[in-house]
Amino acid sequence: MSWTQPALLTCLVVLSAITLFHEADSSAVSDRRDAKAANPQGSSPSSMFFFTEGALRKIFMPESDASSFFKRRGRRSVKTQDEINAEQRQRLAADERRREYHEEQRNQFENYAEEEDDEQDERTRAQTEQWREYHHDGLDPSYEYNRHTN
């Protein structure tokens, strides 16, 4: 029930906006008396509801132009060699960018892994050194590391 009020309010706002824009468009078009004077055949001005003749000319083109437009480049038409070359250059450039990106990512990961290994080796070395100092029994080298077990 709570969603109906916002939905109705939205519809009302959209309807008022459409009405305002229609009035703005129709104010740019001449009013009915001017339309009848410009069109002496007596056709109704409702045929000019949303579009003026200039707007119709921008939207629609003559049939001959339209048919040649679609004949020029159909879905199955053969591409020119220049188009094929341009597409190939774009593919090669994209492949090169992709290869460089992956190479850079790989180098960054290798550097990161190498630094991690170095840090781990340093921590292990420090822990081993601490263990040796703690367990040192005064003999040099320490007895623990020279003991031969049979």
C-alpha atoms as a PDB file:
ATOM      1  CA  MET A   1       0.000   0.000   0.000  1.00  0.00           C
ATOM      2  CA  SER A   2       2.912   2.353   0.742  1.00  0.00           C
ATOM      3  CA  TRP A   3       4.302   2.087  -2.809  1.00  0.00           C
ATOM      4  CA  THR A   4       1.126   3.361  -4.499  1.00  0.00           C
ATOM      5  CA  GLN A   5       1.496   6.921  -3.286  1.00  0.00           C
ATOM      6  CA  PRO A   6       5.044   7.410  -4.634  1.00  0.00           C
ATOM      7  CA  ALA A   7       4.054   5.685  -7.883  1.00  0.00           C
ATOM      8  CA  LEU A   8       1.076   7.998  -8.368  1.00  0.00           C
ATOM      9  CA  LEU A   9       3.191  11.018  -7.474  1.00  0.00           C
ATOM     10  CA  THR A  10       5.817   9.972 -10.024  1.00  0.00           C
ATOM     11  CA  CYS A  11       3.188   9.510 -12.728  1.00  0.00           C
ATOM     12  CA  LEU A  12       1.766  12.931 -11.950  1.00  0.00           C
ATOM     13  CA  VAL A  13       5.201  14.555 -12.187  1.00  0.00           C
ATOM     14  CA  VAL A  14       5.957  12.816 -15.505  1.00  0.00           C
ATOM     15  CA  LEU A  15       2.581  13.819 -16.930  1.00  0.00           C
ATOM     16  CA  SER A  16       3.077  17.445 -15.925  1.00  0.00           C
ATOM     17  CA  ALA A  17       6.599  17.461 -17.404  1.00  0.00           C
ATOM     18  CA  ILE A  18       5.310  16.051 -20.695  1.00  0.00           C
ATOM     19  CA  THR A  19       2.557  18.665 -20.747  1.00  0.00           C
ATOM     20  CA  LEU A  20       5.047  21.475 -20.120  1.00  0.00           C
ATOM     21  CA  PHE A  21       7.436  20.247 -22.820  1.00  0.00           C
ATOM     22  CA  HIS A  22       4.570  19.819 -25.273  1.00  0.00           C
ATOM     23  CA  GLU A  23       3.477  23.381 -24.598  1.00  0.00           C
ATOM     24  CA  ALA A  24       7.043  24.589 -25.094  1.00  0.00           C
ATOM     25  CA  ASP A  25       7.310  22.733 -28.415  1.00  0.00           C
ATOM     26  CA  SER A  26       3.928  23.889 -29.590  1.00  0.00           C
ATOM     27  CA  SER A  27       4.764  27.484 -28.711  1.00  0.00           C
ATOM     28  CA  ALA A  28       7.684  27.279 -31.129  1.00  0.00           C
ATOM     29  CA  VAL A  29       5.295  26.107 -33.849  1.00  0.00           C
ATOM     30  CA  SER A  30       2.922  28.655 -35.252  1.00  0.00           C
ATOM     31  CA  ASP A  31      -0.590  28.635 -33.834  1.00  0.00           C
ATOM     32  CA  ARG A  32      -3.683  27.333 -35.688  1.00  0.00           C
ATOM     33  CA  ARG A  33      -4.474  30.490 -37.611  1.00  0.00           C
ATOM     34  CA  ASP A  34      -0.943  30.672 -38.990  1.00  0.00           C
ATOM     35  CA  ALA A  35      -1.018  26.959 -39.777  1.00  0.00           C
ATOM     36  CA  LYS A  36      -4.265  27.311 -41.774  1.00  0.00           C
ATOM     37  CA  ALA A  37      -2.856  30.288 -43.632  1.00  0.00           C
ATOM     38  CA  ALA A  38       0.321  28.378 -44.438  1.00  0.00           C
ATOM     39  CA  ASN A  39      -1.651  25.260 -45.448  1.00  0.00           C
ATOM     40  CA  PRO A  40      -4.570  26.407 -47.617  1.00  0.00           C
ATOM     41  CA  GLN A  41      -5.713  22.821 -48.457  1.00  0.00           C
ATOM     42  CA  GLY A  42      -7.536  22.807 -45.143  1.00  0.00           C
ATOM     43  CA  SER A  43      -5.721  19.883 -43.550  1.00  0.00           C
ATOM     44  CA  SER A  44      -6.076  19.804 -39.822  1.00  0.00           C
ATOM     45  CA  PRO A  45      -3.305  21.255 -37.693  1.00  0.00           C
ATOM     46  CA  SER A  46      -3.333  18.074 -35.625  1.00  0.00           C
ATOM     47  CA  SER A  47      -1.131  16.489 -38.308  1.00  0.00           C
ATOM     48  CA  MET A  48       1.558  18.850 -37.055  1.00  0.00           C
ATOM     49  CA  PHE A  49       1.143  17.572 -33.500  1.00  0.00           C
ATOM     50  CA  PHE A  50       4.746  16.999 -32.489  1.00  0.00           C
ATOM     51  CA  PHE A  51       6.906  17.593 -35.559  1.00  0.00           C
ATOM     52  CA  THR A  52       7.464  20.571 -37.753  1.00  0.00           C
ATOM     53  CA  GLU A  53       8.461  20.044 -41.373  1.00  0.00           C
ATOM     54  CA  GLY A  54      12.098  20.822 -40.559  1.00  0.00           C
ATOM     55  CA  ALA A  55      12.162  18.165 -37.875  1.00  0.00           C
ATOM     56  CA  LEU A  56      10.606  15.635 -40.252  1.00  0.00           C
ATOM     57  CA  ARG A  57      13.254  16.413 -42.841  1.00  0.00           C
ATOM     58  CA  LYS A  58      15.968  15.723 -40.262  1.00  0.00           C
ATOM     59  CA  ILE A  59      14.448  12.383 -39.284  1.00  0.00           C
ATOM     60  CA  PHE A  60      13.350  11.012 -42.648  1.00  0.00           C
ATOM     61  CA  MET A  61      15.338  10.836 -45.863  1.00  0.00           C
ATOM     62  CA  PRO A  62      14.242  10.173 -49.429  1.00  0.00           C
ATOM     63  CA  GLU A  63      13.710   6.528 -50.345  1.00  0.00           C
ATOM     64  CA  SER A  64      16.521   6.481 -52.893  1.00  0.00           C
ATOM     65  CA  ASP A  65      19.023   7.711 -50.299  1.00  0.00           C
ATOM     66  CA  ALA A  66      17.780   5.201 -47.752  1.00  0.00           C
ATOM     67  CA  SER A  67      18.065   2.236 -50.123  1.00  0.00           C
ATOM     68  CA  SER A  68      21.567   3.236 -51.226  1.00  0.00           C
ATOM     69  CA  PHE A  69      22.536   3.674 -47.567  1.00  0.00           C
ATOM     70  CA  PHE A  70      21.636   0.073 -46.787  1.00  0.00           C
ATOM     71  CA  LYS A  71      23.071  -1.258 -50.053  1.00  0.00           C
ATOM     72  CA  ARG A  72      26.354   0.463 -49.379  1.00  0.00           C
ATOM     73  CA  ARG A  73      27.042  -1.544 -46.237  1.00  0.00           C
ATOM     74  CA  GLY A  74      24.901  -4.586 -45.641  1.00  0.00           C
ATOM     75  CA  ARG A  75      25.515  -7.119 -42.907  1.00  0.00           C
ATOM     76  CA  ARG A  76      27.192  -9.568 -45.282  1.00  0.00           C
ATOM     77  CA  SER A  77      28.991  -7.102 -47.491  1.00  0.00           C
ATOM     78  CA  VAL A  78      32.719  -7.533 -48.011  1.00  0.00           C
ATOM     79  CA  LYS A  79      34.967  -5.143 -46.117  1.00  0.00           C
ATOM     80  CA  THR A  80      37.448  -3.070 -48.012  1.00  0.00           C
ATOM     81  CA  GLN A  81      41.139  -3.789 -47.579  1.00  0.00           C
ATOM     82  CA  ASP A  82      41.570  -0.492 -45.718  1.00  0.00           C
ATOM     83  CA  GLU A  83      38.897  -1.516 -43.196  1.00  0.00           C
ATOM     84  CA  ILE A  84      40.513  -4.925 -42.756  1.00  0.00           C
ATOM     85  CA  ASN A  85      43.933  -3.336 -42.253  1.00  0.00           C
ATOM     86  CA  ALA A  86      42.566  -0.811 -39.748  1.00  0.00           C
ATOM     87  CA  GLU A  87      40.855  -3.538 -37.736  1.00  0.00           C
ATOM     88  CA  GLN A  88      44.020  -5.643 -37.789  1.00  0.00           C
ATOM     89  CA  ARG A  89      46.081  -2.680 -36.564  1.00  0.00           C
ATOM     90  CA  GLN A  90      43.585  -2.135 -33.732  1.00  0.00           C
ATOM     91  CA  ARG A  91      43.751  -5.817 -32.779  1.00  0.00           C
ATOM     92  CA  LEU A  92      47.553  -5.809 -32.813  1.00  0.00           C
ATOM     93  CA  ALA A  93      47.680  -2.638 -30.711  1.00  0.00           C
ATOM     94  CA  ALA A  94      45.218  -4.118 -28.203  1.00  0.00           C
ATOM     95  CA  ASP A  95      47.239  -7.347 -28.051  1.00  0.00           C
ATOM     96  CA  GLU A  96      50.413  -5.371 -27.445  1.00  0.00           C
ATOM     97  CA  ARG A  97      48.804  -3.347 -24.652  1.00  0.00           C
ATOM     98  CA  ARG A  98      47.447  -6.541 -23.087  1.00  0.00           C
ATOM     99  CA  ARG A  99      50.871  -8.242 -23.322  1.00  0.00           C
ATOM    100  CA  GLU A 100      52.625  -5.249 -21.739  1.00  0.00           C
ATOM    101  CA  TYR A 101      50.051  -5.107 -18.958  1.00  0.00           C
ATOM    102  CA  HIS A 102      50.449  -8.805 -18.131  1.00  0.00           C
ATOM    103  CA  GLU A 103      54.234  -8.555 -18.296  1.00  0.00           C
ATOM    104  CA  GLU A 104      54.138  -5.616 -15.884  1.00  0.00           C
ATOM    105  CA  GLN A 105      51.834  -7.534 -13.529  1.00  0.00           C
ATOM    106  CA  ARG A 106      54.125 -10.563 -13.670  1.00  0.00           C
ATOM    107  CA  ASN A 107      57.194  -8.418 -12.913  1.00  0.00           C
ATOM    108  CA  GLN A 108      55.438  -6.779  -9.981  1.00  0.00           C
ATOM    109  CA  PHE A 109      54.450 -10.162  -8.562  1.00  0.00           C
ATOM    110  CA  GLU A 110      57.967 -11.552  -9.034  1.00  0.00           C
ATOM    111  CA  ASN A 111      59.435  -8.547  -7.211  1.00  0.00           C
ATOM    112  CA  TYR A 112      56.886  -8.956  -4.430  1.00  0.00           C
ATOM    113  CA  ALA A 113      57.592 -12.698  -4.115  1.00  0.00           C
ATOM    114  CA  GLU A 114      61.345 -12.095  -4.077  1.00  0.00           C
ATOM    115  CA  GLU A 115      61.024  -9.463  -1.343  1.00  0.00           C
ATOM    116  CA  GLU A 116      58.797 -11.794   0.688  1.00  0.00           C
ATOM    117  CA  ASP A 117      61.344 -14.612   0.338  1.00  0.00           C
ATOM    118  CA  ASP A 118      64.168 -12.293   1.409  1.00  0.00           C
ATOM    119  CA  GLU A 119      62.183 -11.128   4.428  1.00  0.00           C
ATOM    120  CA  GLN A 120      61.334 -14.720   5.358  1.00  0.00           C
ATOM    121  CA  ASP A 121      64.996 -15.741   5.038  1.00  0.00           C
ATOM    122  CA  GLU A 122      65.993 -12.813   7.243  1.00  0.00           C
ATOM    123  CA  ARG A 123      63.393 -13.741   9.881  1.00  0.00           C
ATOM    124  CA  THR A 124      64.526 -17.378   9.803  1.00  0.00           C
ATOM    125  CA  ARG A 125      68.177 -16.317  10.120  1.00  0.00           C
ATOM    126  CA  ALA A 126      67.347 -14.062  13.059  1.00  0.00           C
ATOM    127  CA  GLN A 127      65.353 -16.789  14.818  1.00  0.00           C
ATOM    128  CA  THR A 128      68.146 -19.313  14.273  1.00  0.00           C
ATOM    129  CA  GLU A 129      70.673 -16.867  15.672  1.00  0.00           C
ATOM    130  CA  GLN A 130      68.490 -16.246  18.729  1.00  0.00           C
ATOM    131  CA  TRP A 131      68.092 -19.983  19.282  1.00  0.00           C
ATOM    132  CA  ARG A 132      71.870 -20.493  19.070  1.00  0.00           C
ATOM    133  CA  GLU A 133      72.537 -17.701  21.555  1.00  0.00           C
ATOM    134  CA  TYR A 134      69.966 -19.074  23.988  1.00  0.00           C
ATOM    135  CA  HIS A 135      71.231 -22.656  23.785  1.00  0.00           C
ATOM    136  CA  HIS A 136      74.959 -21.849  23.733  1.00  0.00           C
ATOM    137  CA  ASP A 137      76.748 -23.957  26.383  1.00  0.00           C
ATOM    138  CA  GLY A 138      80.089 -22.174  26.342  1.00  0.00           C
ATOM    139  CA  LEU A 139      81.823 -24.596  24.037  1.00  0.00           C
ATOM    140  CA  ASP A 140      82.993 -23.087  20.800  1.00  0.00           C
ATOM    141  CA  PRO A 141      81.740 -24.249  18.325  1.00  0.00           C
ATOM    142  CA  SER A 142      78.731 -25.341  20.244  1.00  0.00           C
ATOM    143  CA  TYR A 143      78.481 -28.987  21.229  1.00  0.00           C
ATOM    144  CA  GLU A 144      74.920 -29.339  19.848  1.00  0.00           C
ATOM    145  CA  TYR A 145      75.975 -28.778  16.246  1.00  0.00           C
ATOM    146  CA  ASN A 146      79.109 -30.927  16.375  1.00  0.00           C
ATOM    147  CA  ARG A 147      77.576 -33.986  17.964  1.00  0.00           C
ATOM    148  CA  HIS A 148      77.778 -37.082  15.801  1.00  0.00           C
ATOM    149  CA  THR A 149      74.811 -39.353  16.256  1.00  0.00           C
ATOM    150  CA  ASN A 150      75.278 -42.978  15.398  1.00  0.00           C
END
